[in-house]
Amino acid sequence: MARMPSAERRVQLVEAAIRAMTRDGVAKTTTRSICAEAGVSLSVFHYCFDSKQALLEAVIETITEHSVSRVREAVEPRPSLRETVRGALQAYWDHVVANPGEHMLTYELTQYALRQPGFEQLARRQYEQYTASNTAVIRQLAEVTGFEPRVPIEVLARYLTVMTDGLTLNFLVLGDEEGAAEVLDTTADHVLALVRVPE
C-alpha cells in the first residue's frame, strides 16, 4: 500500500464511506466494509478517525460540499437577477438528479443520528451546515448582483434550506422532474420578492 498523507487518506476513506453507505445503508456499513471499499487496512481507518461519529461528520460535510461547490461555481451574472438566482438553484438541482443516492443518504444520516444516543448533535450540525452554506451562497449572489435582502440573510438561508430539503425529499419519493422545476421557478420568484433589486 502506497504511503499517503493522512489528509488524503481521510478524503479516500470519506469517499469510500459515501459509496458504501449509499449502496448498503448507514446501519449496515461497518468500518471494515469502508476499509475494504477504500482498499486500506483497519489500522489506517483508526489512524485517520478516532470514532464512527467523526467519520459521519466528515461524510456529512463532504456530501454538502459536493453540491454546494456546484452552486458556487454557477453563481455568475446573467441577463437578469431572476436568471442568476434560478441558475444557482438549477446547479443544486442538477446535482440532485445526477446523484440521487447521495442525497438519499443525507436523509438516512439525519435519521440515524437522531436515533443513536449521543449522535443527535450530528443531525443538528448537518442542518446548521446547510444553512451556513446557503448563507455563503446568498452573500455571493448579493456580491455578484448587488441585491440587498429585505430579511436577514440567515432567515433567507433557512428558507432556502427548508425549500431545497423538502423538494429533494419529494423528488426522491415521487421522481417528478417537471413538478420539481415548477417549484424551483416559484422559489426563484420568492427569493426575488425577498430582496431589493438594484436599479
Protein backbone atom coordinates (compact mmCIF):
# COMPACT_ATOMS: atom_id res chain seq x y z
CA MET A 1 0.00 0.00 0.00
CA ALA A 2 1.49 3.36 -1.04
CA ARG A 3 2.16 5.88 1.68
CA MET A 4 -0.22 8.82 1.54
CA PRO A 5 -0.57 11.94 3.72
CA SER A 6 -3.25 11.50 6.40
CA ALA A 7 -5.40 14.29 4.92
CA GLU A 8 -5.53 12.42 1.60
CA ARG A 9 -6.28 9.15 3.40
CA ARG A 10 -9.18 10.85 5.20
CA VAL A 11 -10.61 12.01 1.87
CA GLN A 12 -10.15 8.50 0.45
CA LEU A 13 -11.96 6.95 3.43
CA VAL A 14 -14.78 9.50 3.41
CA GLU A 15 -15.46 8.99 -0.30
CA ALA A 16 -15.35 5.21 0.25
CA ALA A 17 -17.80 5.59 3.15
CA ILE A 18 -20.17 7.62 0.96
CA ARG A 19 -20.10 4.92 -1.73
CA ALA A 20 -20.58 2.10 0.79
CA MET A 21 -23.36 3.88 2.72
CA THR A 22 -25.15 4.88 -0.47
CA ARG A 23 -25.08 1.25 -1.61
CA ASP A 24 -25.65 -0.60 1.70
CA GLY A 25 -27.19 1.94 4.08
CA VAL A 26 -25.70 3.63 7.14
CA ALA A 27 -26.57 0.94 9.68
CA LYS A 28 -25.11 -1.89 7.58
CA THR A 29 -21.88 -0.07 6.72
CA THR A 30 -19.06 -1.00 9.07
CA THR A 31 -15.56 0.37 9.42
CA ARG A 32 -14.32 -2.90 7.91
CA SER A 33 -16.54 -2.53 4.85
CA ILE A 34 -15.40 1.09 4.42
CA CYS A 35 -11.76 -0.02 4.59
CA ALA A 36 -12.46 -2.76 2.04
CA GLU A 37 -14.12 -0.19 -0.24
CA ALA A 38 -11.10 2.12 0.11
CA GLY A 39 -8.58 -0.70 -0.18
CA VAL A 40 -6.86 0.11 3.12
CA SER A 41 -6.31 -1.68 6.42
CA LEU A 42 -8.41 -1.12 9.53
CA SER A 43 -5.41 0.47 11.24
CA VAL A 44 -5.44 3.22 8.58
CA PHE A 45 -9.06 3.99 9.46
CA HIS A 46 -8.25 4.27 13.18
CA TYR A 47 -5.26 6.46 12.38
CA CYS A 48 -7.48 8.89 10.43
CA PHE A 49 -10.67 8.81 12.55
CA ASP A 50 -10.98 8.33 16.28
CA SER A 51 -14.66 7.30 16.07
CA LYS A 52 -17.53 6.47 13.73
CA GLN A 53 -19.08 9.77 14.79
CA ALA A 54 -16.05 11.66 13.46
CA LEU A 55 -16.33 9.78 10.18
CA LEU A 56 -20.06 10.53 9.86
CA GLU A 57 -19.41 14.21 10.49
CA ALA A 58 -16.81 14.21 7.70
CA VAL A 59 -19.26 12.35 5.42
CA ILE A 60 -21.96 14.98 6.04
CA GLU A 61 -19.53 17.83 5.37
CA THR A 62 -18.28 16.21 2.19
CA ILE A 63 -21.72 15.45 0.76
CA THR A 64 -22.79 19.03 1.44
CA GLU A 65 -19.65 20.34 -0.24
CA HIS A 66 -20.30 18.15 -3.31
CA SER A 67 -23.49 20.06 -4.12
CA VAL A 68 -22.59 23.48 -2.70
CA SER A 69 -19.39 23.69 -4.74
CA ARG A 70 -21.50 23.26 -7.89
CA VAL A 71 -23.78 26.10 -6.79
CA ARG A 72 -20.87 28.44 -6.04
CA GLU A 73 -19.40 27.75 -9.49
CA ALA A 74 -22.77 28.53 -11.09
CA VAL A 75 -23.16 31.94 -9.43
CA GLU A 76 -22.36 34.37 -12.21
CA PRO A 77 -24.03 37.46 -13.66
CA ARG A 78 -26.77 36.59 -16.14
CA PRO A 79 -29.09 38.83 -18.15
CA SER A 80 -31.49 39.18 -15.22
CA LEU A 81 -31.40 38.75 -11.46
CA ARG A 82 -34.03 36.03 -11.71
CA GLU A 83 -31.92 34.07 -14.19
CA THR A 84 -28.92 34.39 -11.88
CA VAL A 85 -30.89 33.09 -8.89
CA ARG A 86 -32.57 30.38 -10.95
CA GLY A 87 -29.20 29.31 -12.33
CA ALA A 88 -27.84 28.79 -8.82
CA LEU A 89 -30.90 26.74 -7.86
CA GLN A 90 -30.54 24.70 -11.05
CA ALA A 91 -26.91 23.88 -10.23
CA TYR A 92 -28.04 22.37 -6.93
CA TRP A 93 -30.85 20.53 -8.66
CA ASP A 94 -28.59 19.10 -11.35
CA HIS A 95 -26.53 17.54 -8.57
CA VAL A 96 -29.66 16.01 -7.00
CA VAL A 97 -30.77 14.48 -10.30
CA ALA A 98 -27.27 13.19 -11.08
CA ASN A 99 -26.66 11.81 -7.56
CA PRO A 100 -29.98 10.70 -6.04
CA GLY A 101 -28.34 8.01 -3.90
CA GLU A 102 -26.03 10.52 -2.28
CA HIS A 103 -28.94 12.83 -1.45
CA MET A 104 -30.99 9.90 -0.15
CA LEU A 105 -28.04 9.13 2.11
CA THR A 106 -28.30 12.60 3.69
CA TYR A 107 -31.79 11.80 4.98
CA GLU A 108 -30.66 8.42 6.24
CA LEU A 109 -27.75 10.07 8.07
CA THR A 110 -30.16 12.51 9.72
CA GLN A 111 -32.45 9.71 10.91
CA TYR A 112 -29.52 7.59 12.05
CA ALA A 113 -28.04 10.46 14.05
CA LEU A 114 -31.38 11.31 15.67
CA ARG A 115 -31.94 7.67 16.69
CA GLN A 116 -28.44 6.93 18.01
CA PRO A 117 -27.90 8.13 21.57
CA GLY A 118 -25.03 10.60 21.63
CA PHE A 119 -25.18 11.27 17.87
CA GLU A 120 -28.06 13.78 17.92
CA GLN A 121 -25.74 16.77 17.55
CA LEU A 122 -24.61 15.39 14.17
CA ALA A 123 -28.10 15.94 12.74
CA ARG A 124 -28.16 19.43 14.24
CA ARG A 125 -24.75 20.21 12.76
CA GLN A 126 -25.87 18.82 9.42
CA TYR A 127 -28.72 21.32 9.14
CA GLU A 128 -26.62 24.15 10.55
CA GLN A 129 -24.12 23.39 7.81
CA TYR A 130 -26.85 23.53 5.15
CA THR A 131 -27.91 26.95 6.39
CA ALA A 132 -24.31 28.20 6.64
CA SER A 133 -23.68 27.04 3.06
CA ASN A 134 -26.83 28.78 1.85
CA THR A 135 -25.79 31.93 3.71
CA ALA A 136 -22.45 31.90 1.87
CA VAL A 137 -24.19 31.40 -1.49
CA ILE A 138 -26.62 34.27 -0.79
CA ARG A 139 -23.70 36.55 0.08
CA GLN A 140 -22.01 35.51 -3.17
CA LEU A 141 -25.21 36.21 -5.12
CA ALA A 142 -25.53 39.60 -3.44
CA GLU A 143 -21.95 40.43 -4.34
CA VAL A 144 -22.42 39.40 -7.97
CA THR A 145 -25.81 41.09 -8.49
CA GLY A 146 -25.82 43.92 -5.95
CA PHE A 147 -29.16 42.88 -4.42
CA GLU A 148 -29.92 43.53 -0.76
CA PRO A 149 -32.06 41.07 1.21
CA ARG A 150 -35.25 42.51 2.73
CA VAL A 151 -34.99 39.95 5.53
CA PRO A 152 -31.90 38.89 7.50
CA ILE A 153 -29.63 36.75 5.34
CA GLU A 154 -29.81 33.92 7.89
CA VAL A 155 -33.62 33.86 7.55
CA LEU A 156 -33.37 33.72 3.75
CA ALA A 157 -30.74 30.96 4.08
CA ARG A 158 -33.00 28.91 6.37
CA TYR A 159 -35.87 29.41 3.92
CA LEU A 160 -33.73 28.05 1.08
CA THR A 161 -32.62 25.15 3.28
CA VAL A 162 -36.24 24.22 4.00
CA MET A 163 -37.33 24.60 0.38
CA THR A 164 -34.48 22.61 -1.17
CA ASP A 165 -34.57 19.97 1.57
CA GLY A 166 -38.30 19.40 1.18
CA LEU A 167 -38.15 19.47 -2.61
CA THR A 168 -35.27 17.00 -2.68
CA LEU A 169 -37.11 14.51 -0.49
CA ASN A 170 -40.29 14.98 -2.52
CA PHE A 171 -38.37 14.27 -5.72
CA LEU A 172 -36.65 11.19 -4.27
CA VAL A 173 -40.08 9.80 -3.38
CA LEU A 174 -42.10 10.85 -6.45
CA GLY A 175 -39.45 11.32 -9.16
CA ASP A 176 -41.43 14.23 -10.62
CA GLU A 177 -38.84 16.31 -12.52
CA GLU A 178 -41.43 18.59 -14.12
CA GLY A 179 -43.04 19.36 -10.76
CA ALA A 180 -39.62 19.99 -9.25
CA ALA A 181 -38.80 22.50 -12.00
CA GLU A 182 -42.03 24.37 -11.26
CA VAL A 183 -41.16 24.54 -7.56
CA LEU A 184 -37.66 25.80 -8.39
CA ASP A 185 -39.24 28.52 -10.57
CA THR A 186 -41.52 29.51 -7.70
CA THR A 187 -38.62 29.50 -5.24
CA ALA A 188 -36.64 31.83 -7.52
CA ASP A 189 -39.67 34.17 -7.63
CA HIS A 190 -39.93 34.07 -3.82
CA VAL A 191 -36.24 34.94 -3.46
CA LEU A 192 -36.71 37.93 -5.77
CA ALA A 193 -39.63 39.10 -3.61
CA LEU A 194 -37.36 38.94 -0.55
CA VAL A 195 -34.60 41.13 -1.96
CA ARG A 196 -34.25 44.72 -3.13
CA VAL A 197 -33.31 44.70 -6.78
CA PRO A 198 -30.56 47.15 -7.80
CA GLU A 199 -31.75 49.93 -10.12
